[in-house]
Amino acid sequence: MDLSQNDWTSKLKAETNAVVLDVRTEEECSEGIIPDAINIDIYKGQGFIYQLEALDKNKNYYVYCKAGGRSSQACSIMNQLGFENAYNLLGGFMNWEGEVAEVKK
């Protein structure tokens, strides 16, 4: 499901069962991430699928990339794998106006 930044952020803040998922490359993440996001690079192909399958399908996932295209694709893949709640951030990180954290090494 595609959500505007306002909807994505307010829904996320109201959650107790949420995971923020960054599907950008490691290099892109070095520019900063949305706080507490976990990074699983969608370009890893089958490796991306394996990492998704290790996640708890009962949680709600807030997914983003740089502009919203890859995260939309990631949400579709997640739905096919049985994740019921995957929310795509429209406009992605490049339009993000919220808090930004550094990647934990």
PDB file of N, CA and C in Angstrom:
ATOM      1  N   MET A   1       0.844  -1.180   0.000  1.00  0.00           N
ATOM      2  CA  MET A   1       0.000   0.000   0.000  1.00  0.00           C
ATOM      3  C   MET A   1       0.887   1.241   0.000  1.00  0.00           C
ATOM      4  N   ASP A   2       0.616   2.149  -0.904  1.00  0.00           N
ATOM      5  CA  ASP A   2       1.372   3.407  -0.988  1.00  0.00           C
ATOM      6  C   ASP A   2       0.797   4.416  -0.011  1.00  0.00           C
ATOM      7  N   LEU A   3       1.680   5.054   0.756  1.00  0.00           N
ATOM      8  CA  LEU A   3       1.249   6.081   1.697  1.00  0.00           C
ATOM      9  C   LEU A   3       2.075   7.341   1.513  1.00  0.00           C
ATOM     10  N   SER A   4       1.424   8.489   1.676  1.00  0.00           N
ATOM     11  CA  SER A   4       2.155   9.761   1.656  1.00  0.00           C
ATOM     12  C   SER A   4       3.048   9.793   2.892  1.00  0.00           C
ATOM     13  N   GLN A   5       4.013  10.696   2.892  1.00  0.00           N
ATOM     14  CA  GLN A   5       4.913  10.793   4.033  1.00  0.00           C
ATOM     15  C   GLN A   5       4.149  11.051   5.336  1.00  0.00           C
ATOM     16  N   ASN A   6       3.147  11.928   5.301  1.00  0.00           N
ATOM     17  CA  ASN A   6       2.365  12.223   6.506  1.00  0.00           C
ATOM     18  C   ASN A   6       1.649  10.989   7.025  1.00  0.00           C
ATOM     19  N   ASP A   7       0.980  10.255   6.117  1.00  0.00           N
ATOM     20  CA  ASP A   7       0.249   9.049   6.520  1.00  0.00           C
ATOM     21  C   ASP A   7       1.210   7.964   7.015  1.00  0.00           C
ATOM     22  N   TRP A   8       2.314   7.792   6.277  1.00  0.00           N
ATOM     23  CA  TRP A   8       3.324   6.782   6.607  1.00  0.00           C
ATOM     24  C   TRP A   8       3.875   7.049   8.004  1.00  0.00           C
ATOM     25  N   THR A   9       4.221   8.318   8.268  1.00  0.00           N
ATOM     26  CA  THR A   9       4.819   8.707   9.545  1.00  0.00           C
ATOM     27  C   THR A   9       3.826   8.591  10.694  1.00  0.00           C
ATOM     28  N   SER A  10       2.600   9.069  10.493  1.00  0.00           N
ATOM     29  CA  SER A  10       1.638   9.018  11.595  1.00  0.00           C
ATOM     30  C   SER A  10       1.229   7.584  11.906  1.00  0.00           C
ATOM     31  N   LYS A  11       1.079   6.758  10.871  1.00  0.00           N
ATOM     32  CA  LYS A  11       0.748   5.347  11.075  1.00  0.00           C
ATOM     33  C   LYS A  11       1.886   4.645  11.830  1.00  0.00           C
ATOM     34  N   LEU A  12       3.113   4.933  11.411  1.00  0.00           N
ATOM     35  CA  LEU A  12       4.294   4.342  12.041  1.00  0.00           C
ATOM     36  C   LEU A  12       4.381   4.727  13.523  1.00  0.00           C
ATOM     37  N   LYS A  13       4.140   6.005  13.820  1.00  0.00           N
ATOM     38  CA  LYS A  13       4.226   6.478  15.208  1.00  0.00           C
ATOM     39  C   LYS A  13       3.174   5.825  16.093  1.00  0.00           C
ATOM     40  N   ALA A  14       2.038   5.463  15.528  1.00  0.00           N
ATOM     41  CA  ALA A  14       0.950   4.862  16.303  1.00  0.00           C
ATOM     42  C   ALA A  14       1.157   3.358  16.518  1.00  0.00           C
ATOM     43  N   GLU A  15       2.139   2.798  15.872  1.00  0.00           N
ATOM     44  CA  GLU A  15       2.382   1.350  15.874  1.00  0.00           C
ATOM     45  C   GLU A  15       3.188   0.859  17.064  1.00  0.00           C
ATOM     46  N   THR A  16       2.927  -0.367  17.451  1.00  0.00           N
ATOM     47  CA  THR A  16       3.779  -1.031  18.431  1.00  0.00           C
ATOM     48  C   THR A  16       4.410  -2.266  17.789  1.00  0.00           C
ATOM     49  N   ASN A  17       3.951  -2.604  16.597  1.00  0.00           N
ATOM     50  CA  ASN A  17       4.378  -3.836  15.932  1.00  0.00           C
ATOM     51  C   ASN A  17       5.021  -3.529  14.583  1.00  0.00           C
ATOM     52  N   ALA A  18       5.805  -2.435  14.535  1.00  0.00           N
ATOM     53  CA  ALA A  18       6.300  -1.959  13.240  1.00  0.00           C
ATOM     54  C   ALA A  18       7.795  -2.177  13.055  1.00  0.00           C
ATOM     55  N   VAL A  19       8.163  -2.384  11.794  1.00  0.00           N
ATOM     56  CA  VAL A  19       9.561  -2.471  11.393  1.00  0.00           C
ATOM     57  C   VAL A  19       9.734  -1.518  10.219  1.00  0.00           C
ATOM     58  N   VAL A  20      10.774  -0.675  10.285  1.00  0.00           N
ATOM     59  CA  VAL A  20      11.096   0.210   9.155  1.00  0.00           C
ATOM     60  C   VAL A  20      12.148  -0.519   8.329  1.00  0.00           C
ATOM     61  N   LEU A  21      11.866  -0.659   7.044  1.00  0.00           N
ATOM     62  CA  LEU A  21      12.730  -1.428   6.150  1.00  0.00           C
ATOM     63  C   LEU A  21      13.244  -0.542   5.024  1.00  0.00           C
ATOM     64  N   ASP A  22      14.564  -0.432   4.929  1.00  0.00           N
ATOM     65  CA  ASP A  22      15.234   0.355   3.896  1.00  0.00           C
ATOM     66  C   ASP A  22      15.745  -0.618   2.845  1.00  0.00           C
ATOM     67  N   VAL A  23      15.275  -0.503   1.600  1.00  0.00           N
ATOM     68  CA  VAL A  23      15.673  -1.468   0.568  1.00  0.00           C
ATOM     69  C   VAL A  23      16.713  -0.885  -0.394  1.00  0.00           C
ATOM     70  N   ARG A  24      17.379   0.198   0.034  1.00  0.00           N
ATOM     71  CA  ARG A  24      18.424   0.803  -0.801  1.00  0.00           C
ATOM     72  C   ARG A  24      19.736   0.019  -0.684  1.00  0.00           C
ATOM     73  N   THR A  25      20.705   0.410  -1.505  1.00  0.00           N
ATOM     74  CA  THR A  25      22.031  -0.208  -1.428  1.00  0.00           C
ATOM     75  C   THR A  25      22.756   0.302  -0.189  1.00  0.00           C
ATOM     76  N   GLU A  26      23.784  -0.425   0.212  1.00  0.00           N
ATOM     77  CA  GLU A  26      24.595  -0.024   1.360  1.00  0.00           C
ATOM     78  C   GLU A  26      25.179   1.372   1.139  1.00  0.00           C
ATOM     79  N   GLU A  27      25.614   1.623  -0.089  1.00  0.00           N
ATOM     80  CA  GLU A  27      26.196   2.923  -0.439  1.00  0.00           C
ATOM     81  C   GLU A  27      25.174   4.045  -0.241  1.00  0.00           C
ATOM     82  N   GLU A  28      23.949   3.828  -0.682  1.00  0.00           N
ATOM     83  CA  GLU A  28      22.896   4.836  -0.505  1.00  0.00           C
ATOM     84  C   GLU A  28      22.610   5.064   0.980  1.00  0.00           C
ATOM     85  N   CYS A  29      22.664   4.011   1.766  1.00  0.00           N
ATOM     86  CA  CYS A  29      22.390   4.122   3.203  1.00  0.00           C
ATOM     87  C   CYS A  29      23.447   4.953   3.918  1.00  0.00           C
ATOM     88  N   SER A  30      24.632   5.039   3.343  1.00  0.00           N
ATOM     89  CA  SER A  30      25.686   5.832   3.975  1.00  0.00           C
ATOM     90  C   SER A  30      25.322   7.311   4.002  1.00  0.00           C
ATOM     91  N   GLU A  31      24.322   7.719   3.200  1.00  0.00           N
ATOM     92  CA  GLU A  31      23.841   9.106   3.206  1.00  0.00           C
ATOM     93  C   GLU A  31      22.909   9.361   4.383  1.00  0.00           C
ATOM     94  N   GLY A  32      22.575   8.301   5.124  1.00  0.00           N
ATOM     95  CA  GLY A  32      21.673   8.404   6.262  1.00  0.00           C
ATOM     96  C   GLY A  32      20.478   7.494   6.066  1.00  0.00           C
ATOM     97  N   ILE A  33      19.833   7.163   7.178  1.00  0.00           N
ATOM     98  CA  ILE A  33      18.659   6.302   7.147  1.00  0.00           C
ATOM     99  C   ILE A  33      17.572   6.898   8.034  1.00  0.00           C
ATOM    100  N   ILE A  34      16.363   6.432   7.849  1.00  0.00           N
ATOM    101  CA  ILE A  34      15.284   6.793   8.766  1.00  0.00           C
ATOM    102  C   ILE A  34      15.583   6.021  10.057  1.00  0.00           C
ATOM    103  N   PRO A  35      15.513   6.682  11.231  1.00  0.00           N
ATOM    104  CA  PRO A  35      15.908   6.033  12.485  1.00  0.00           C
ATOM    105  C   PRO A  35      15.300   4.643  12.686  1.00  0.00           C
ATOM    106  N   ASP A  36      16.150   3.738  13.154  1.00  0.00           N
ATOM    107  CA  ASP A  36      15.794   2.343  13.475  1.00  0.00           C
ATOM    108  C   ASP A  36      15.475   1.472  12.264  1.00  0.00           C
ATOM    109  N   ALA A  37      15.755   1.965  11.062  1.00  0.00           N
ATOM    110  CA  ALA A  37      15.502   1.152   9.865  1.00  0.00           C
ATOM    111  C   ALA A  37      16.504   0.010   9.775  1.00  0.00           C
ATOM    112  N   ILE A  38      16.021  -1.122   9.248  1.00  0.00           N
ATOM    113  CA  ILE A  38      16.941  -2.194   8.921  1.00  0.00           C
ATOM    114  C   ILE A  38      17.099  -2.182   7.402  1.00  0.00           C
ATOM    115  N   ASN A  39      18.291  -2.476   6.947  1.00  0.00           N
ATOM    116  CA  ASN A  39      18.583  -2.416   5.516  1.00  0.00           C
ATOM    117  C   ASN A  39      18.651  -3.817   4.926  1.00  0.00           C
ATOM    118  N   ILE A  40      17.825  -4.040   3.902  1.00  0.00           N
ATOM    119  CA  ILE A  40      17.911  -5.254   3.086  1.00  0.00           C
ATOM    120  C   ILE A  40      17.872  -4.775   1.636  1.00  0.00           C
ATOM    121  N   ASP A  41      18.999  -4.865   0.964  1.00  0.00           N
ATOM    122  CA  ASP A  41      19.151  -4.347  -0.399  1.00  0.00           C
ATOM    123  C   ASP A  41      18.348  -5.179  -1.399  1.00  0.00           C
ATOM    124  N   ILE A  42      17.380  -4.530  -2.052  1.00  0.00           N
ATOM    125  CA  ILE A  42      16.527  -5.233  -3.015  1.00  0.00           C
ATOM    126  C   ILE A  42      17.326  -5.740  -4.223  1.00  0.00           C
ATOM    127  N   TYR A  43      18.474  -5.116  -4.513  1.00  0.00           N
ATOM    128  CA  TYR A  43      19.296  -5.551  -5.648  1.00  0.00           C
ATOM    129  C   TYR A  43      20.029  -6.858  -5.389  1.00  0.00           C
ATOM    130  N   LYS A  44      19.884  -7.417  -4.183  1.00  0.00           N
ATOM    131  CA  LYS A  44      20.555  -8.679  -3.867  1.00  0.00           C
ATOM    132  C   LYS A  44      19.799  -9.886  -4.436  1.00  0.00           C
ATOM    133  N   GLY A  45      18.695  -9.636  -5.159  1.00  0.00           N
ATOM    134  CA  GLY A  45      17.968 -10.712  -5.831  1.00  0.00           C
ATOM    135  C   GLY A  45      17.456 -11.764  -4.875  1.00  0.00           C
ATOM    136  N   GLN A  46      17.900 -13.007  -5.081  1.00  0.00           N
ATOM    137  CA  GLN A  46      17.435 -14.112  -4.246  1.00  0.00           C
ATOM    138  C   GLN A  46      17.841 -13.904  -2.794  1.00  0.00           C
ATOM    139  N   GLY A  47      18.979 -13.269  -2.565  1.00  0.00           N
ATOM    140  CA  GLY A  47      19.422 -12.969  -1.204  1.00  0.00           C
ATOM    141  C   GLY A  47      18.415 -12.068  -0.496  1.00  0.00           C
ATOM    142  N   PHE A  48      17.808 -11.155  -1.242  1.00  0.00           N
ATOM    143  CA  PHE A  48      16.773 -10.269  -0.706  1.00  0.00           C
ATOM    144  C   PHE A  48      15.575 -11.102  -0.240  1.00  0.00           C
ATOM    145  N   ILE A  49      15.165 -12.053  -1.074  1.00  0.00           N
ATOM    146  CA  ILE A  49      14.037 -12.937  -0.749  1.00  0.00           C
ATOM    147  C   ILE A  49      14.343 -13.737   0.521  1.00  0.00           C
ATOM    148  N   TYR A  50      15.557 -14.310   0.598  1.00  0.00           N
ATOM    149  CA  TYR A  50      15.929 -15.099   1.781  1.00  0.00           C
ATOM    150  C   TYR A  50      15.859 -14.242   3.044  1.00  0.00           C
ATOM    151  N   GLN A  51      16.368 -13.004   2.964  1.00  0.00           N
ATOM    152  CA  GLN A  51      16.356 -12.133   4.134  1.00  0.00           C
ATOM    153  C   GLN A  51      14.927 -11.759   4.524  1.00  0.00           C
ATOM    154  N   LEU A  52      14.066 -11.528   3.528  1.00  0.00           N
ATOM    155  CA  LEU A  52      12.661 -11.241   3.830  1.00  0.00           C
ATOM    156  C   LEU A  52      12.001 -12.426   4.526  1.00  0.00           C
ATOM    157  N   GLU A  53      12.279 -13.626   4.022  1.00  0.00           N
ATOM    158  CA  GLU A  53      11.642 -14.815   4.581  1.00  0.00           C
ATOM    159  C   GLU A  53      12.030 -15.067   6.034  1.00  0.00           C
ATOM    160  N   ALA A  54      13.137 -14.475   6.469  1.00  0.00           N
ATOM    161  CA  ALA A  54      13.576 -14.627   7.862  1.00  0.00           C
ATOM    162  C   ALA A  54      12.838 -13.660   8.798  1.00  0.00           C
ATOM    163  N   LEU A  55      12.091 -12.705   8.224  1.00  0.00           N
ATOM    164  CA  LEU A  55      11.383 -11.705   9.026  1.00  0.00           C
ATOM    165  C   LEU A  55      10.039 -12.243   9.530  1.00  0.00           C
ATOM    166  N   ASP A  56       9.526 -11.619  10.566  1.00  0.00           N
ATOM    167  CA  ASP A  56       8.245 -11.989  11.162  1.00  0.00           C
ATOM    168  C   ASP A  56       7.101 -11.427  10.295  1.00  0.00           C
ATOM    169  N   LYS A  57       6.348 -12.306   9.674  1.00  0.00           N
ATOM    170  CA  LYS A  57       5.274 -11.876   8.769  1.00  0.00           C
ATOM    171  C   LYS A  57       4.095 -11.239   9.500  1.00  0.00           C
ATOM    172  N   ASN A  58       4.055 -11.352  10.833  1.00  0.00           N
ATOM    173  CA  ASN A  58       2.968 -10.765  11.611  1.00  0.00           C
ATOM    174  C   ASN A  58       3.186  -9.296  11.943  1.00  0.00           C
ATOM    175  N   LYS A  59       4.379  -8.804  11.668  1.00  0.00           N
ATOM    176  CA  LYS A  59       4.658  -7.390  11.938  1.00  0.00           C
ATOM    177  C   LYS A  59       4.211  -6.538  10.762  1.00  0.00           C
ATOM    178  N   ASN A  60       4.159  -5.229  10.985  1.00  0.00           N
ATOM    179  CA  ASN A  60       3.804  -4.281   9.936  1.00  0.00           C
ATOM    180  C   ASN A  60       5.093  -3.621   9.453  1.00  0.00           C
ATOM    181  N   TYR A  61       5.283  -3.590   8.148  1.00  0.00           N
ATOM    182  CA  TYR A  61       6.537  -3.103   7.579  1.00  0.00           C
ATOM    183  C   TYR A  61       6.331  -1.774   6.848  1.00  0.00           C
ATOM    184  N   TYR A  62       7.190  -0.830   7.187  1.00  0.00           N
ATOM    185  CA  TYR A  62       7.197   0.496   6.572  1.00  0.00           C
ATOM    186  C   TYR A  62       8.446   0.549   5.715  1.00  0.00           C
ATOM    187  N   VAL A  63       8.235   0.512   4.397  1.00  0.00           N
ATOM    188  CA  VAL A  63       9.319   0.269   3.451  1.00  0.00           C
ATOM    189  C   VAL A  63       9.628   1.533   2.657  1.00  0.00           C
ATOM    190  N   TYR A  64      10.928   1.791   2.478  1.00  0.00           N
ATOM    191  CA  TYR A  64      11.311   2.941   1.650  1.00  0.00           C
ATOM    192  C   TYR A  64      12.602   2.664   0.892  1.00  0.00           C
ATOM    193  N   CYS A  65      12.800   3.442  -0.176  1.00  0.00           N
ATOM    194  CA  CYS A  65      14.033   3.427  -0.952  1.00  0.00           C
ATOM    195  C   CYS A  65      14.375   4.883  -1.243  1.00  0.00           C
ATOM    196  N   LYS A  66      15.079   5.145  -2.331  1.00  0.00           N
ATOM    197  CA  LYS A  66      15.457   6.526  -2.624  1.00  0.00           C
ATOM    198  C   LYS A  66      14.267   7.354  -3.110  1.00  0.00           C
ATOM    199  N   ALA A  67      13.487   6.813  -4.049  1.00  0.00           N
ATOM    200  CA  ALA A  67      12.410   7.600  -4.654  1.00  0.00           C
ATOM    201  C   ALA A  67      11.021   6.958  -4.543  1.00  0.00           C
ATOM    202  N   GLY A  68      10.945   5.693  -4.134  1.00  0.00           N
ATOM    203  CA  GLY A  68       9.647   5.035  -3.976  1.00  0.00           C
ATOM    204  C   GLY A  68       9.390   3.899  -4.939  1.00  0.00           C
ATOM    205  N   GLY A  69      10.216   3.750  -5.964  1.00  0.00           N
ATOM    206  CA  GLY A  69      10.015   2.685  -6.958  1.00  0.00           C
ATOM    207  C   GLY A  69      10.399   1.309  -6.456  1.00  0.00           C
ATOM    208  N   ARG A  70      11.625   1.190  -5.951  1.00  0.00           N
ATOM    209  CA  ARG A  70      12.084  -0.115  -5.453  1.00  0.00           C
ATOM    210  C   ARG A  70      11.286  -0.545  -4.230  1.00  0.00           C
ATOM    211  N   SER A  71      10.911   0.414  -3.385  1.00  0.00           N
ATOM    212  CA  SER A  71      10.153   0.046  -2.182  1.00  0.00           C
ATOM    213  C   SER A  71       8.749  -0.426  -2.553  1.00  0.00           C
ATOM    214  N   SER A  72       8.182   0.150  -3.607  1.00  0.00           N
ATOM    215  CA  SER A  72       6.883  -0.315  -4.094  1.00  0.00           C
ATOM    216  C   SER A  72       6.998  -1.764  -4.569  1.00  0.00           C
ATOM    217  N   GLN A  73       8.072  -2.039  -5.304  1.00  0.00           N
ATOM    218  CA  GLN A  73       8.345  -3.390  -5.789  1.00  0.00           C
ATOM    219  C   GLN A  73       8.566  -4.335  -4.602  1.00  0.00           C
ATOM    220  N   ALA A  74       9.305  -3.865  -3.588  1.00  0.00           N
ATOM    221  CA  ALA A  74       9.565  -4.683  -2.396  1.00  0.00           C
ATOM    222  C   ALA A  74       8.256  -5.024  -1.689  1.00  0.00           C
ATOM    223  N   CYS A  75       7.345  -4.069  -1.594  1.00  0.00           N
ATOM    224  CA  CYS A  75       6.045  -4.316  -0.952  1.00  0.00           C
ATOM    225  C   CYS A  75       5.269  -5.388  -1.708  1.00  0.00           C
ATOM    226  N   SER A  76       5.315  -5.338  -3.034  1.00  0.00           N
ATOM    227  CA  SER A  76       4.627  -6.357  -3.853  1.00  0.00           C
ATOM    228  C   SER A  76       5.213  -7.739  -3.590  1.00  0.00           C
ATOM    229  N   ILE A  77       6.541  -7.807  -3.551  1.00  0.00           N
ATOM    230  CA  ILE A  77       7.221  -9.084  -3.280  1.00  0.00           C
ATOM    231  C   ILE A  77       6.824  -9.581  -1.900  1.00  0.00           C
ATOM    232  N   MET A  78       6.809  -8.668  -0.921  1.00  0.00           N
ATOM    233  CA  MET A  78       6.458  -9.047   0.447  1.00  0.00           C
ATOM    234  C   MET A  78       5.027  -9.577   0.516  1.00  0.00           C
ATOM    235  N   ASN A  79       4.109  -8.934  -0.202  1.00  0.00           N
ATOM    236  CA  ASN A  79       2.721  -9.405  -0.231  1.00  0.00           C
ATOM    237  C   ASN A  79       2.653 -10.820  -0.804  1.00  0.00           C
ATOM    238  N   GLN A  80       3.425 -11.077  -1.864  1.00  0.00           N
ATOM    239  CA  GLN A  80       3.447 -12.415  -2.477  1.00  0.00           C
ATOM    240  C   GLN A  80       4.002 -13.458  -1.511  1.00  0.00           C
ATOM    241  N   LEU A  81       4.894 -13.027  -0.615  1.00  0.00           N
ATOM    242  CA  LEU A  81       5.500 -13.950   0.348  1.00  0.00           C
ATOM    243  C   LEU A  81       4.645 -14.132   1.600  1.00  0.00           C
ATOM    244  N   GLY A  82       3.512 -13.424   1.658  1.00  0.00           N
ATOM    245  CA  GLY A  82       2.611 -13.606   2.784  1.00  0.00           C
ATOM    246  C   GLY A  82       2.638 -12.512   3.843  1.00  0.00           C
ATOM    247  N   PHE A  83       3.356 -11.425   3.582  1.00  0.00           N
ATOM    248  CA  PHE A  83       3.334 -10.274   4.495  1.00  0.00           C
ATOM    249  C   PHE A  83       2.051  -9.498   4.196  1.00  0.00           C
ATOM    250  N   GLU A  84       1.193  -9.341   5.197  1.00  0.00           N
ATOM    251  CA  GLU A  84      -0.086  -8.673   4.948  1.00  0.00           C
ATOM    252  C   GLU A  84       0.026  -7.163   4.960  1.00  0.00           C
ATOM    253  N   ASN A  85       0.938  -6.628   5.774  1.00  0.00           N
ATOM    254  CA  ASN A  85       1.017  -5.176   5.930  1.00  0.00           C
ATOM    255  C   ASN A  85       2.401  -4.641   5.593  1.00  0.00           C
ATOM    256  N   ALA A  86       2.538  -4.205   4.344  1.00  0.00           N
ATOM    257  CA  ALA A  86       3.777  -3.577   3.879  1.00  0.00           C
ATOM    258  C   ALA A  86       3.382  -2.234   3.267  1.00  0.00           C
ATOM    259  N   TYR A  87       3.907  -1.164   3.842  1.00  0.00           N
ATOM    260  CA  TYR A  87       3.529   0.189   3.438  1.00  0.00           C
ATOM    261  C   TYR A  87       4.683   0.895   2.743  1.00  0.00           C
ATOM    262  N   ASN A  88       4.446   1.336   1.537  1.00  0.00           N
ATOM    263  CA  ASN A  88       5.459   2.013   0.744  1.00  0.00           C
ATOM    264  C   ASN A  88       5.436   3.519   0.994  1.00  0.00           C
ATOM    265  N   LEU A  89       6.610   4.092   1.227  1.00  0.00           N
ATOM    266  CA  LEU A  89       6.744   5.536   1.401  1.00  0.00           C
ATOM    267  C   LEU A  89       6.842   6.208   0.034  1.00  0.00           C
ATOM    268  N   LEU A  90       5.771   6.900  -0.370  1.00  0.00           N
ATOM    269  CA  LEU A  90       5.776   7.617  -1.653  1.00  0.00           C
ATOM    270  C   LEU A  90       6.825   8.723  -1.616  1.00  0.00           C
ATOM    271  N   GLY A  91       7.612   8.836  -2.676  1.00  0.00           N
ATOM    272  CA  GLY A  91       8.636   9.878  -2.745  1.00  0.00           C
ATOM    273  C   GLY A  91       9.962   9.466  -2.148  1.00  0.00           C
ATOM    274  N   GLY A  92       9.948   8.406  -1.339  1.00  0.00           N
ATOM    275  CA  GLY A  92      11.181   7.845  -0.806  1.00  0.00           C
ATOM    276  C   GLY A  92      12.014   8.767   0.063  1.00  0.00           C
ATOM    277  N   PHE A  93      13.258   8.342   0.274  1.00  0.00           N
ATOM    278  CA  PHE A  93      14.175   9.036   1.172  1.00  0.00           C
ATOM    279  C   PHE A  93      14.542  10.422   0.654  1.00  0.00           C
ATOM    280  N   MET A  94      14.583  10.580  -0.666  1.00  0.00           N
ATOM    281  CA  MET A  94      15.007  11.886  -1.196  1.00  0.00           C
ATOM    282  C   MET A  94      13.999  12.994  -0.887  1.00  0.00           C
ATOM    283  N   ASN A  95      12.764  12.628  -0.567  1.00  0.00           N
ATOM    284  CA  ASN A  95      11.763  13.625  -0.182  1.00  0.00           C
ATOM    285  C   ASN A  95      11.442  13.574   1.314  1.00  0.00           C
ATOM    286  N   TRP A  96      12.187  12.773   2.057  1.00  0.00           N
ATOM    287  CA  TRP A  96      11.951  12.591   3.484  1.00  0.00           C
ATOM    288  C   TRP A  96      12.242  13.882   4.235  1.00  0.00           C
ATOM    289  N   GLU A  97      11.304  14.294   5.069  1.00  0.00           N
ATOM    290  CA  GLU A  97      11.472  15.525   5.838  1.00  0.00           C
ATOM    291  C   GLU A  97      11.626  15.253   7.327  1.00  0.00           C
ATOM    292  N   GLY A  98      11.591  13.986   7.696  1.00  0.00           N
ATOM    293  CA  GLY A  98      11.701  13.621   9.113  1.00  0.00           C
ATOM    294  C   GLY A  98      13.136  13.471   9.552  1.00  0.00           C
ATOM    295  N   GLU A  99      13.295  12.857  10.691  1.00  0.00           N
ATOM    296  CA  GLU A  99      14.599  12.641  11.296  1.00  0.00           C
ATOM    297  C   GLU A  99      15.451  11.684  10.456  1.00  0.00           C
ATOM    298  N   VAL A 100      16.765  11.934  10.442  1.00  0.00           N
ATOM    299  CA  VAL A 100      17.682  11.073   9.723  1.00  0.00           C
ATOM    300  C   VAL A 100      18.768  10.619  10.705  1.00  0.00           C
ATOM    301  N   ALA A 101      19.085   9.346  10.667  1.00  0.00           N
ATOM    302  CA  ALA A 101      20.128   8.792  11.538  1.00  0.00           C
ATOM    303  C   ALA A 101      21.277   8.297  10.690  1.00  0.00           C
ATOM    304  N   GLU A 102      22.422   8.104  11.338  1.00  0.00           N
ATOM    305  CA  GLU A 102      23.561   7.508  10.648  1.00  0.00           C
ATOM    306  C   GLU A 102      23.454   5.998  10.762  1.00  0.00           C
ATOM    307  N   VAL A 103      24.009   5.314   9.775  1.00  0.00           N
ATOM    308  CA  VAL A 103      24.002   3.861   9.774  1.00  0.00           C
ATOM    309  C   VAL A 103      24.909   3.369  10.895  1.00  0.00           C
ATOM    310  N   LYS A 104      24.413   2.422  11.668  1.00  0.00           N
ATOM    311  CA  LYS A 104      25.246   1.818  12.725  1.00  0.00           C
ATOM    312  C   LYS A 104      26.161   0.800  12.081  1.00  0.00           C
ATOM    313  N   LYS A 105      27.428   0.946  12.303  1.00  0.00           N
ATOM    314  CA  LYS A 105      28.420   0.022  11.714  1.00  0.00           C
ATOM    315  C   LYS A 105      28.575  -1.208  12.570  1.00  0.00           C
TER     316      LYS A 105
END
